[in-house]
Amino acid sequence: MPLRALAASTTRRASALPEVPTFAKAGLPGYDVGLWTGFFVRKGTPSPVIATLRQAIVKGRTPEFEEKLKSAFVDPLVIPEADLVRWTDESAARWQAVSRELGLQAD
């Protein structure tokens, strides 16, 4: 039985399925649930080490690699370093609120 995508779970359409609307466009505003992966280093990591890691990551973002990600329904998003802390804090606060509202507790 073939599957049919009803909506993208983030605020942006998936590049692999451009004809599929977001949940907001489908009538559920405020719905934004996505997976993300980031590269983090220990606080106090020397700036030259961070710069070397950043350079390696950027170098690895070839068109072929990006196409493989997109074919797996992963849309690469690069968040500037200055915005990453704010972005992760906002994400954590949102999921903490959901957990509290549902009465979830970590064991």
PDB file of N, CA and C in Angstrom:
ATOM      1  N   MET A   1       0.844  -1.164   0.000  1.00  0.00           N
ATOM      2  CA  MET A   1       0.000   0.000   0.000  1.00  0.00           C
ATOM      3  C   MET A   1       0.897   1.237   0.000  1.00  0.00           C
ATOM      4  N   PRO A   2       0.740   2.135  -0.949  1.00  0.00           N
ATOM      5  CA  PRO A   2       1.584   3.332  -0.983  1.00  0.00           C
ATOM      6  C   PRO A   2       1.199   4.302   0.134  1.00  0.00           C
ATOM      7  N   LEU A   3       2.192   5.013   0.597  1.00  0.00           N
ATOM      8  CA  LEU A   3       1.969   6.030   1.619  1.00  0.00           C
ATOM      9  C   LEU A   3       1.822   7.391   0.958  1.00  0.00           C
ATOM     10  N   ARG A   4       1.035   8.248   1.567  1.00  0.00           N
ATOM     11  CA  ARG A   4       0.855   9.597   1.046  1.00  0.00           C
ATOM     12  C   ARG A   4       1.152  10.574   2.170  1.00  0.00           C
ATOM     13  N   ALA A   5       2.090  11.463   1.928  1.00  0.00           N
ATOM     14  CA  ALA A   5       2.434  12.472   2.926  1.00  0.00           C
ATOM     15  C   ALA A   5       1.316  13.501   3.002  1.00  0.00           C
ATOM     16  N   LEU A   6       0.881  13.795   4.230  1.00  0.00           N
ATOM     17  CA  LEU A   6      -0.188  14.771   4.417  1.00  0.00           C
ATOM     18  C   LEU A   6       0.339  16.172   4.671  1.00  0.00           C
ATOM     19  N   ALA A   7       1.471  16.251   5.413  1.00  0.00           N
ATOM     20  CA  ALA A   7       2.020  17.560   5.738  1.00  0.00           C
ATOM     21  C   ALA A   7       3.447  17.409   6.248  1.00  0.00           C
ATOM     22  N   ALA A   8       4.214  18.473   6.087  1.00  0.00           N
ATOM     23  CA  ALA A   8       5.567  18.535   6.647  1.00  0.00           C
ATOM     24  C   ALA A   8       5.441  18.983   8.093  1.00  0.00           C
ATOM     25  N   SER A   9       6.208  18.367   8.973  1.00  0.00           N
ATOM     26  CA  SER A   9       6.051  18.643  10.411  1.00  0.00           C
ATOM     27  C   SER A   9       6.809  19.877  10.895  1.00  0.00           C
ATOM     28  N   THR A  10       7.504  20.541  10.011  1.00  0.00           N
ATOM     29  CA  THR A  10       8.231  21.752  10.392  1.00  0.00           C
ATOM     30  C   THR A  10       7.576  22.969   9.740  1.00  0.00           C
ATOM     31  N   THR A  11       8.147  24.126   9.988  1.00  0.00           N
ATOM     32  CA  THR A  11       7.567  25.355   9.437  1.00  0.00           C
ATOM     33  C   THR A  11       7.944  25.579   7.977  1.00  0.00           C
ATOM     34  N   ARG A  12       8.834  24.723   7.470  1.00  0.00           N
ATOM     35  CA  ARG A  12       9.232  24.821   6.053  1.00  0.00           C
ATOM     36  C   ARG A  12       8.881  23.528   5.342  1.00  0.00           C
ATOM     37  N   ARG A  13       8.516  23.635   4.084  1.00  0.00           N
ATOM     38  CA  ARG A  13       8.262  22.442   3.283  1.00  0.00           C
ATOM     39  C   ARG A  13       9.556  21.654   3.114  1.00  0.00           C
ATOM     40  N   ALA A  14       9.435  20.349   2.996  1.00  0.00           N
ATOM     41  CA  ALA A  14      10.597  19.498   2.760  1.00  0.00           C
ATOM     42  C   ALA A  14      10.999  19.623   1.295  1.00  0.00           C
ATOM     43  N   SER A  15      12.274  19.838   1.030  1.00  0.00           N
ATOM     44  CA  SER A  15      12.717  20.005  -0.353  1.00  0.00           C
ATOM     45  C   SER A  15      12.488  18.741  -1.175  1.00  0.00           C
ATOM     46  N   ALA A  16      12.483  17.584  -0.529  1.00  0.00           N
ATOM     47  CA  ALA A  16      12.257  16.326  -1.253  1.00  0.00           C
ATOM     48  C   ALA A  16      10.782  16.150  -1.615  1.00  0.00           C
ATOM     49  N   LEU A  17       9.898  16.877  -0.944  1.00  0.00           N
ATOM     50  CA  LEU A  17       8.455  16.789  -1.210  1.00  0.00           C
ATOM     51  C   LEU A  17       7.857  18.198  -1.284  1.00  0.00           C
ATOM     52  N   PRO A  18       8.250  18.972  -2.288  1.00  0.00           N
ATOM     53  CA  PRO A  18       7.814  20.371  -2.334  1.00  0.00           C
ATOM     54  C   PRO A  18       6.311  20.556  -2.488  1.00  0.00           C
ATOM     55  N   GLU A  19       5.611  19.546  -2.990  1.00  0.00           N
ATOM     56  CA  GLU A  19       4.161  19.663  -3.172  1.00  0.00           C
ATOM     57  C   GLU A  19       3.385  19.420  -1.876  1.00  0.00           C
ATOM     58  N   VAL A  20       4.048  18.904  -0.848  1.00  0.00           N
ATOM     59  CA  VAL A  20       3.393  18.618   0.427  1.00  0.00           C
ATOM     60  C   VAL A  20       3.427  19.873   1.293  1.00  0.00           C
ATOM     61  N   PRO A  21       2.254  20.328   1.756  1.00  0.00           N
ATOM     62  CA  PRO A  21       2.223  21.559   2.559  1.00  0.00           C
ATOM     63  C   PRO A  21       2.756  21.329   3.970  1.00  0.00           C
ATOM     64  N   THR A  22       3.025  22.409   4.657  1.00  0.00           N
ATOM     65  CA  THR A  22       3.353  22.321   6.082  1.00  0.00           C
ATOM     66  C   THR A  22       2.043  22.121   6.847  1.00  0.00           C
ATOM     67  N   PHE A  23       2.135  21.735   8.119  1.00  0.00           N
ATOM     68  CA  PHE A  23       0.921  21.604   8.926  1.00  0.00           C
ATOM     69  C   PHE A  23       0.194  22.934   9.028  1.00  0.00           C
ATOM     70  N   ALA A  24       0.936  24.037   9.121  1.00  0.00           N
ATOM     71  CA  ALA A  24       0.301  25.360   9.206  1.00  0.00           C
ATOM     72  C   ALA A  24      -0.551  25.615   7.954  1.00  0.00           C
ATOM     73  N   LYS A  25       0.005  25.316   6.788  1.00  0.00           N
ATOM     74  CA  LYS A  25      -0.742  25.515   5.538  1.00  0.00           C
ATOM     75  C   LYS A  25      -1.912  24.542   5.436  1.00  0.00           C
ATOM     76  N   ALA A  26      -1.788  23.384   6.099  1.00  0.00           N
ATOM     77  CA  ALA A  26      -2.850  22.383   6.071  1.00  0.00           C
ATOM     78  C   ALA A  26      -3.919  22.647   7.133  1.00  0.00           C
ATOM     79  N   GLY A  27      -3.760  23.713   7.927  1.00  0.00           N
ATOM     80  CA  GLY A  27      -4.785  24.083   8.886  1.00  0.00           C
ATOM     81  C   GLY A  27      -4.437  23.885  10.348  1.00  0.00           C
ATOM     82  N   LEU A  28      -3.194  23.530  10.669  1.00  0.00           N
ATOM     83  CA  LEU A  28      -2.773  23.370  12.067  1.00  0.00           C
ATOM     84  C   LEU A  28      -1.641  24.336  12.377  1.00  0.00           C
ATOM     85  N   PRO A  29      -1.950  25.612  12.584  1.00  0.00           N
ATOM     86  CA  PRO A  29      -0.897  26.587  12.847  1.00  0.00           C
ATOM     87  C   PRO A  29      -0.181  26.305  14.168  1.00  0.00           C
ATOM     88  N   GLY A  30       1.092  26.659  14.212  1.00  0.00           N
ATOM     89  CA  GLY A  30       1.881  26.484  15.425  1.00  0.00           C
ATOM     90  C   GLY A  30       2.531  25.125  15.554  1.00  0.00           C
ATOM     91  N   TYR A  31       2.277  24.239  14.617  1.00  0.00           N
ATOM     92  CA  TYR A  31       2.854  22.895  14.665  1.00  0.00           C
ATOM     93  C   TYR A  31       4.248  22.939  14.069  1.00  0.00           C
ATOM     94  N   ASP A  32       5.241  22.602  14.858  1.00  0.00           N
ATOM     95  CA  ASP A  32       6.628  22.622  14.389  1.00  0.00           C
ATOM     96  C   ASP A  32       7.421  21.578  15.164  1.00  0.00           C
ATOM     97  N   VAL A  33       7.536  20.401  14.583  1.00  0.00           N
ATOM     98  CA  VAL A  33       8.267  19.311  15.214  1.00  0.00           C
ATOM     99  C   VAL A  33       9.266  18.771  14.200  1.00  0.00           C
ATOM    100  N   GLY A  34      10.523  19.010  14.462  1.00  0.00           N
ATOM    101  CA  GLY A  34      11.548  18.526  13.552  1.00  0.00           C
ATOM    102  C   GLY A  34      12.698  17.910  14.317  1.00  0.00           C
ATOM    103  N   LEU A  35      13.458  17.125  13.638  1.00  0.00           N
ATOM    104  CA  LEU A  35      14.667  16.540  14.211  1.00  0.00           C
ATOM    105  C   LEU A  35      15.855  17.368  13.767  1.00  0.00           C
ATOM    106  N   TRP A  36      16.855  17.466  14.619  1.00  0.00           N
ATOM    107  CA  TRP A  36      18.055  18.180  14.224  1.00  0.00           C
ATOM    108  C   TRP A  36      19.254  17.554  14.900  1.00  0.00           C
ATOM    109  N   THR A  37      20.371  17.765  14.290  1.00  0.00           N
ATOM    110  CA  THR A  37      21.639  17.283  14.812  1.00  0.00           C
ATOM    111  C   THR A  37      22.608  18.447  14.773  1.00  0.00           C
ATOM    112  N   GLY A  38      23.400  18.577  15.780  1.00  0.00           N
ATOM    113  CA  GLY A  38      24.371  19.658  15.812  1.00  0.00           C
ATOM    114  C   GLY A  38      25.724  19.162  16.269  1.00  0.00           C
ATOM    115  N   PHE A  39      26.689  19.973  16.030  1.00  0.00           N
ATOM    116  CA  PHE A  39      28.047  19.701  16.497  1.00  0.00           C
ATOM    117  C   PHE A  39      28.322  20.632  17.672  1.00  0.00           C
ATOM    118  N   PHE A  40      28.678  20.056  18.787  1.00  0.00           N
ATOM    119  CA  PHE A  40      28.951  20.835  19.986  1.00  0.00           C
ATOM    120  C   PHE A  40      30.325  20.469  20.523  1.00  0.00           C
ATOM    121  N   VAL A  41      30.947  21.423  21.167  1.00  0.00           N
ATOM    122  CA  VAL A  41      32.229  21.179  21.821  1.00  0.00           C
ATOM    123  C   VAL A  41      32.118  21.632  23.265  1.00  0.00           C
ATOM    124  N   ARG A  42      33.029  21.181  24.051  1.00  0.00           N
ATOM    125  CA  ARG A  42      33.070  21.511  25.467  1.00  0.00           C
ATOM    126  C   ARG A  42      33.312  23.019  25.657  1.00  0.00           C
ATOM    127  N   LYS A  43      32.648  23.593  26.651  1.00  0.00           N
ATOM    128  CA  LYS A  43      32.870  25.002  26.962  1.00  0.00           C
ATOM    129  C   LYS A  43      34.357  25.205  27.256  1.00  0.00           C
ATOM    130  N   GLY A  44      34.926  26.262  26.716  1.00  0.00           N
ATOM    131  CA  GLY A  44      36.342  26.537  26.923  1.00  0.00           C
ATOM    132  C   GLY A  44      37.245  25.943  25.847  1.00  0.00           C
ATOM    133  N   THR A  45      36.652  25.258  24.853  1.00  0.00           N
ATOM    134  CA  THR A  45      37.463  24.731  23.751  1.00  0.00           C
ATOM    135  C   THR A  45      38.132  25.906  23.048  1.00  0.00           C
ATOM    136  N   PRO A  46      39.430  25.824  22.813  1.00  0.00           N
ATOM    137  CA  PRO A  46      40.141  26.939  22.177  1.00  0.00           C
ATOM    138  C   PRO A  46      39.552  27.307  20.810  1.00  0.00           C
ATOM    139  N   SER A  47      39.498  28.582  20.541  1.00  0.00           N
ATOM    140  CA  SER A  47      38.951  29.083  19.273  1.00  0.00           C
ATOM    141  C   SER A  47      39.599  28.458  18.044  1.00  0.00           C
ATOM    142  N   PRO A  48      40.937  28.250  18.014  1.00  0.00           N
ATOM    143  CA  PRO A  48      41.525  27.619  16.821  1.00  0.00           C
ATOM    144  C   PRO A  48      40.997  26.198  16.577  1.00  0.00           C
ATOM    145  N   VAL A  49      40.699  25.469  17.646  1.00  0.00           N
ATOM    146  CA  VAL A  49      40.142  24.118  17.493  1.00  0.00           C
ATOM    147  C   VAL A  49      38.738  24.202  16.904  1.00  0.00           C
ATOM    148  N   ILE A  50      37.943  25.132  17.416  1.00  0.00           N
ATOM    149  CA  ILE A  50      36.593  25.323  16.895  1.00  0.00           C
ATOM    150  C   ILE A  50      36.648  25.727  15.424  1.00  0.00           C
ATOM    151  N   ALA A  51      37.555  26.623  15.086  1.00  0.00           N
ATOM    152  CA  ALA A  51      37.691  27.071  13.692  1.00  0.00           C
ATOM    153  C   ALA A  51      38.074  25.912  12.778  1.00  0.00           C
ATOM    154  N   THR A  52      38.951  25.035  13.243  1.00  0.00           N
ATOM    155  CA  THR A  52      39.368  23.876  12.442  1.00  0.00           C
ATOM    156  C   THR A  52      38.189  22.926  12.232  1.00  0.00           C
ATOM    157  N   LEU A  53      37.418  22.683  13.279  1.00  0.00           N
ATOM    158  CA  LEU A  53      36.244  21.817  13.157  1.00  0.00           C
ATOM    159  C   LEU A  53      35.217  22.419  12.202  1.00  0.00           C
ATOM    160  N   ARG A  54      34.958  23.714  12.357  1.00  0.00           N
ATOM    161  CA  ARG A  54      33.999  24.392  11.481  1.00  0.00           C
ATOM    162  C   ARG A  54      34.445  24.291  10.017  1.00  0.00           C
ATOM    163  N   GLN A  55      35.726  24.496   9.782  1.00  0.00           N
ATOM    164  CA  GLN A  55      36.260  24.422   8.413  1.00  0.00           C
ATOM    165  C   GLN A  55      36.080  23.019   7.836  1.00  0.00           C
ATOM    166  N   ALA A  56      36.314  21.991   8.648  1.00  0.00           N
ATOM    167  CA  ALA A  56      36.160  20.614   8.178  1.00  0.00           C
ATOM    168  C   ALA A  56      34.697  20.308   7.849  1.00  0.00           C
ATOM    169  N   ILE A  57      33.803  20.810   8.670  1.00  0.00           N
ATOM    170  CA  ILE A  57      32.376  20.580   8.427  1.00  0.00           C
ATOM    171  C   ILE A  57      31.940  21.269   7.141  1.00  0.00           C
ATOM    172  N   VAL A  58      32.360  22.503   6.970  1.00  0.00           N
ATOM    173  CA  VAL A  58      32.011  23.245   5.756  1.00  0.00           C
ATOM    174  C   VAL A  58      32.591  22.552   4.524  1.00  0.00           C
ATOM    175  N   LYS A  59      33.811  22.081   4.618  1.00  0.00           N
ATOM    176  CA  LYS A  59      34.464  21.392   3.495  1.00  0.00           C
ATOM    177  C   LYS A  59      33.712  20.112   3.130  1.00  0.00           C
ATOM    178  N   GLY A  60      33.142  19.455   4.135  1.00  0.00           N
ATOM    179  CA  GLY A  60      32.416  18.212   3.891  1.00  0.00           C
ATOM    180  C   GLY A  60      31.045  18.404   3.277  1.00  0.00           C
ATOM    181  N   ARG A  61      30.574  19.630   3.237  1.00  0.00           N
ATOM    182  CA  ARG A  61      29.248  19.907   2.674  1.00  0.00           C
ATOM    183  C   ARG A  61      29.332  20.062   1.162  1.00  0.00           C
ATOM    184  N   THR A  62      29.636  18.969   0.506  1.00  0.00           N
ATOM    185  CA  THR A  62      29.707  18.979  -0.948  1.00  0.00           C
ATOM    186  C   THR A  62      28.301  18.888  -1.529  1.00  0.00           C
ATOM    187  N   PRO A  63      28.123  19.273  -2.785  1.00  0.00           N
ATOM    188  CA  PRO A  63      26.798  19.123  -3.412  1.00  0.00           C
ATOM    189  C   PRO A  63      26.309  17.668  -3.380  1.00  0.00           C
ATOM    190  N   GLU A  64      27.225  16.725  -3.556  1.00  0.00           N
ATOM    191  CA  GLU A  64      26.838  15.310  -3.531  1.00  0.00           C
ATOM    192  C   GLU A  64      26.320  14.907  -2.144  1.00  0.00           C
ATOM    193  N   PHE A  65      27.014  15.368  -1.099  1.00  0.00           N
ATOM    194  CA  PHE A  65      26.597  15.057   0.260  1.00  0.00           C
ATOM    195  C   PHE A  65      25.245  15.686   0.565  1.00  0.00           C
ATOM    196  N   GLU A  66      25.068  16.936   0.176  1.00  0.00           N
ATOM    197  CA  GLU A  66      23.800  17.622   0.413  1.00  0.00           C
ATOM    198  C   GLU A  66      22.657  16.918  -0.322  1.00  0.00           C
ATOM    199  N   GLU A  67      22.919  16.429  -1.533  1.00  0.00           N
ATOM    200  CA  GLU A  67      21.895  15.718  -2.289  1.00  0.00           C
ATOM    201  C   GLU A  67      21.514  14.407  -1.606  1.00  0.00           C
ATOM    202  N   LYS A  68      22.511  13.720  -1.040  1.00  0.00           N
ATOM    203  CA  LYS A  68      22.216  12.489  -0.292  1.00  0.00           C
ATOM    204  C   LYS A  68      21.354  12.787   0.928  1.00  0.00           C
ATOM    205  N   LEU A  69      21.651  13.873   1.620  1.00  0.00           N
ATOM    206  CA  LEU A  69      20.835  14.264   2.762  1.00  0.00           C
ATOM    207  C   LEU A  69      19.403  14.550   2.324  1.00  0.00           C
ATOM    208  N   LYS A  70      19.256  15.324   1.278  1.00  0.00           N
ATOM    209  CA  LYS A  70      17.921  15.692   0.811  1.00  0.00           C
ATOM    210  C   LYS A  70      17.127  14.473   0.348  1.00  0.00           C
ATOM    211  N   SER A  71      17.805  13.498  -0.270  1.00  0.00           N
ATOM    212  CA  SER A  71      17.104  12.289  -0.704  1.00  0.00           C
ATOM    213  C   SER A  71      16.640  11.455   0.488  1.00  0.00           C
ATOM    214  N   ALA A  72      17.229  11.697   1.655  1.00  0.00           N
ATOM    215  CA  ALA A  72      16.808  11.030   2.899  1.00  0.00           C
ATOM    216  C   ALA A  72      15.864  11.936   3.688  1.00  0.00           C
ATOM    217  N   PHE A  73      15.313  12.965   3.031  1.00  0.00           N
ATOM    218  CA  PHE A  73      14.381  13.914   3.636  1.00  0.00           C
ATOM    219  C   PHE A  73      15.021  14.722   4.762  1.00  0.00           C
ATOM    220  N   VAL A  74      16.295  15.031   4.600  1.00  0.00           N
ATOM    221  CA  VAL A  74      17.015  15.879   5.549  1.00  0.00           C
ATOM    222  C   VAL A  74      17.397  17.157   4.813  1.00  0.00           C
ATOM    223  N   ASP A  75      16.883  18.279   5.274  1.00  0.00           N
ATOM    224  CA  ASP A  75      17.229  19.566   4.680  1.00  0.00           C
ATOM    225  C   ASP A  75      18.276  20.226   5.564  1.00  0.00           C
ATOM    226  N   PRO A  76      19.513  20.284   5.083  1.00  0.00           N
ATOM    227  CA  PRO A  76      20.577  20.883   5.900  1.00  0.00           C
ATOM    228  C   PRO A  76      20.267  22.332   6.248  1.00  0.00           C
ATOM    229  N   LEU A  77      20.504  22.661   7.502  1.00  0.00           N
ATOM    230  CA  LEU A  77      20.286  24.015   7.986  1.00  0.00           C
ATOM    231  C   LEU A  77      21.524  24.409   8.774  1.00  0.00           C
ATOM    232  N   VAL A  78      22.127  25.492   8.386  1.00  0.00           N
ATOM    233  CA  VAL A  78      23.298  25.974   9.107  1.00  0.00           C
ATOM    234  C   VAL A  78      22.871  27.175   9.936  1.00  0.00           C
ATOM    235  N   ILE A  79      23.051  27.057  11.228  1.00  0.00           N
ATOM    236  CA  ILE A  79      22.702  28.139  12.142  1.00  0.00           C
ATOM    237  C   ILE A  79      23.999  28.822  12.553  1.00  0.00           C
ATOM    238  N   PRO A  80      24.102  30.122  12.327  1.00  0.00           N
ATOM    239  CA  PRO A  80      25.319  30.817  12.731  1.00  0.00           C
ATOM    240  C   PRO A  80      25.618  30.593  14.209  1.00  0.00           C
ATOM    241  N   GLU A  81      26.890  30.490  14.519  1.00  0.00           N
ATOM    242  CA  GLU A  81      27.326  30.200  15.883  1.00  0.00           C
ATOM    243  C   GLU A  81      26.675  31.129  16.906  1.00  0.00           C
ATOM    244  N   ALA A  82      26.556  32.399  16.561  1.00  0.00           N
ATOM    245  CA  ALA A  82      25.990  33.378  17.491  1.00  0.00           C
ATOM    246  C   ALA A  82      24.526  33.091  17.811  1.00  0.00           C
ATOM    247  N   ASP A  83      23.802  32.431  16.899  1.00  0.00           N
ATOM    248  CA  ASP A  83      22.383  32.150  17.104  1.00  0.00           C
ATOM    249  C   ASP A  83      22.128  30.772  17.705  1.00  0.00           C
ATOM    250  N   LEU A  84      23.140  29.916  17.722  1.00  0.00           N
ATOM    251  CA  LEU A  84      22.931  28.533  18.132  1.00  0.00           C
ATOM    252  C   LEU A  84      22.509  28.399  19.592  1.00  0.00           C
ATOM    253  N   VAL A  85      23.126  29.147  20.484  1.00  0.00           N
ATOM    254  CA  VAL A  85      22.768  29.057  21.903  1.00  0.00           C
ATOM    255  C   VAL A  85      21.308  29.476  22.096  1.00  0.00           C
ATOM    256  N   ARG A  86      20.911  30.588  21.502  1.00  0.00           N
ATOM    257  CA  ARG A  86      19.522  31.051  21.608  1.00  0.00           C
ATOM    258  C   ARG A  86      18.564  30.002  21.046  1.00  0.00           C
ATOM    259  N   TRP A  87      18.921  29.446  19.903  1.00  0.00           N
ATOM    260  CA  TRP A  87      18.068  28.464  19.228  1.00  0.00           C
ATOM    261  C   TRP A  87      17.906  27.207  20.083  1.00  0.00           C
ATOM    262  N   THR A  88      18.991  26.698  20.654  1.00  0.00           N
ATOM    263  CA  THR A  88      18.899  25.490  21.482  1.00  0.00           C
ATOM    264  C   THR A  88      18.158  25.787  22.790  1.00  0.00           C
ATOM    265  N   ASP A  89      18.362  26.965  23.369  1.00  0.00           N
ATOM    266  CA  ASP A  89      17.635  27.340  24.580  1.00  0.00           C
ATOM    267  C   ASP A  89      16.126  27.405  24.319  1.00  0.00           C
ATOM    268  N   GLU A  90      15.740  27.997  23.192  1.00  0.00           N
ATOM    269  CA  GLU A  90      14.323  28.087  22.844  1.00  0.00           C
ATOM    270  C   GLU A  90      13.725  26.702  22.616  1.00  0.00           C
ATOM    271  N   SER A  91      14.478  25.851  21.951  1.00  0.00           N
ATOM    272  CA  SER A  91      14.015  24.484  21.697  1.00  0.00           C
ATOM    273  C   SER A  91      13.833  23.726  23.007  1.00  0.00           C
ATOM    274  N   ALA A  92      14.803  23.833  23.900  1.00  0.00           N
ATOM    275  CA  ALA A  92      14.720  23.144  25.197  1.00  0.00           C
ATOM    276  C   ALA A  92      13.535  23.662  26.004  1.00  0.00           C
ATOM    277  N   ALA A  93      13.325  24.968  26.017  1.00  0.00           N
ATOM    278  CA  ALA A  93      12.213  25.549  26.770  1.00  0.00           C
ATOM    279  C   ALA A  93      10.865  25.067  26.229  1.00  0.00           C
ATOM    280  N   ARG A  94      10.765  24.978  24.914  1.00  0.00           N
ATOM    281  CA  ARG A  94       9.508  24.526  24.306  1.00  0.00           C
ATOM    282  C   ARG A  94       9.194  23.092  24.719  1.00  0.00           C
ATOM    283  N   TRP A  95      10.195  22.200  24.661  1.00  0.00           N
ATOM    284  CA  TRP A  95       9.947  20.797  24.998  1.00  0.00           C
ATOM    285  C   TRP A  95       9.791  20.591  26.497  1.00  0.00           C
ATOM    286  N   GLN A  96      10.418  21.438  27.307  1.00  0.00           N
ATOM    287  CA  GLN A  96      10.183  21.378  28.758  1.00  0.00           C
ATOM    288  C   GLN A  96       8.740  21.747  29.068  1.00  0.00           C
ATOM    289  N   ALA A  97       8.214  22.754  28.387  1.00  0.00           N
ATOM    290  CA  ALA A  97       6.820  23.161  28.592  1.00  0.00           C
ATOM    291  C   ALA A  97       5.873  22.035  28.181  1.00  0.00           C
ATOM    292  N   VAL A  98       6.146  21.395  27.065  1.00  0.00           N
ATOM    293  CA  VAL A  98       5.317  20.261  26.622  1.00  0.00           C
ATOM    294  C   VAL A  98       5.369  19.143  27.663  1.00  0.00           C
ATOM    295  N   SER A  99       6.553  18.842  28.156  1.00  0.00           N
ATOM    296  CA  SER A  99       6.707  17.795  29.173  1.00  0.00           C
ATOM    297  C   SER A  99       5.917  18.116  30.435  1.00  0.00           C
ATOM    298  N   ARG A 100       6.007  19.375  30.889  1.00  0.00           N
ATOM    299  CA  ARG A 100       5.257  19.789  32.084  1.00  0.00           C
ATOM    300  C   ARG A 100       3.749  19.664  31.851  1.00  0.00           C
ATOM    301  N   GLU A 101       3.305  20.144  30.697  1.00  0.00           N
ATOM    302  CA  GLU A 101       1.873  20.116  30.380  1.00  0.00           C
ATOM    303  C   GLU A 101       1.339  18.691  30.345  1.00  0.00           C
ATOM    304  N   LEU A 102       2.151  17.761  29.867  1.00  0.00           N
ATOM    305  CA  LEU A 102       1.720  16.364  29.784  1.00  0.00           C
ATOM    306  C   LEU A 102       2.031  15.575  31.056  1.00  0.00           C
ATOM    307  N   GLY A 103       2.743  16.200  31.992  1.00  0.00           N
ATOM    308  CA  GLY A 103       3.088  15.516  33.232  1.00  0.00           C
ATOM    309  C   GLY A 103       4.169  14.462  33.060  1.00  0.00           C
ATOM    310  N   LEU A 104       5.023  14.651  32.061  1.00  0.00           N
ATOM    311  CA  LEU A 104       6.094  13.689  31.823  1.00  0.00           C
ATOM    312  C   LEU A 104       7.272  13.947  32.765  1.00  0.00           C
ATOM    313  N   GLN A 105       7.916  12.873  33.204  1.00  0.00           N
ATOM    314  CA  GLN A 105       9.086  12.992  34.053  1.00  0.00           C
ATOM    315  C   GLN A 105      10.163  12.027  33.577  1.00  0.00           C
ATOM    316  N   ALA A 106      11.387  12.455  33.638  1.00  0.00           N
ATOM    317  CA  ALA A 106      12.495  11.586  33.264  1.00  0.00           C
ATOM    318  C   ALA A 106      12.816  10.650  34.431  1.00  0.00           C
ATOM    319  N   ASP A 107      13.123   9.434  34.121  1.00  0.00           N
ATOM    320  CA  ASP A 107      13.525   8.457  35.148  1.00  0.00           C
ATOM    321  C   ASP A 107      15.023   8.401  35.262  1.00  0.00           C
TER     322      ASP A 107
END
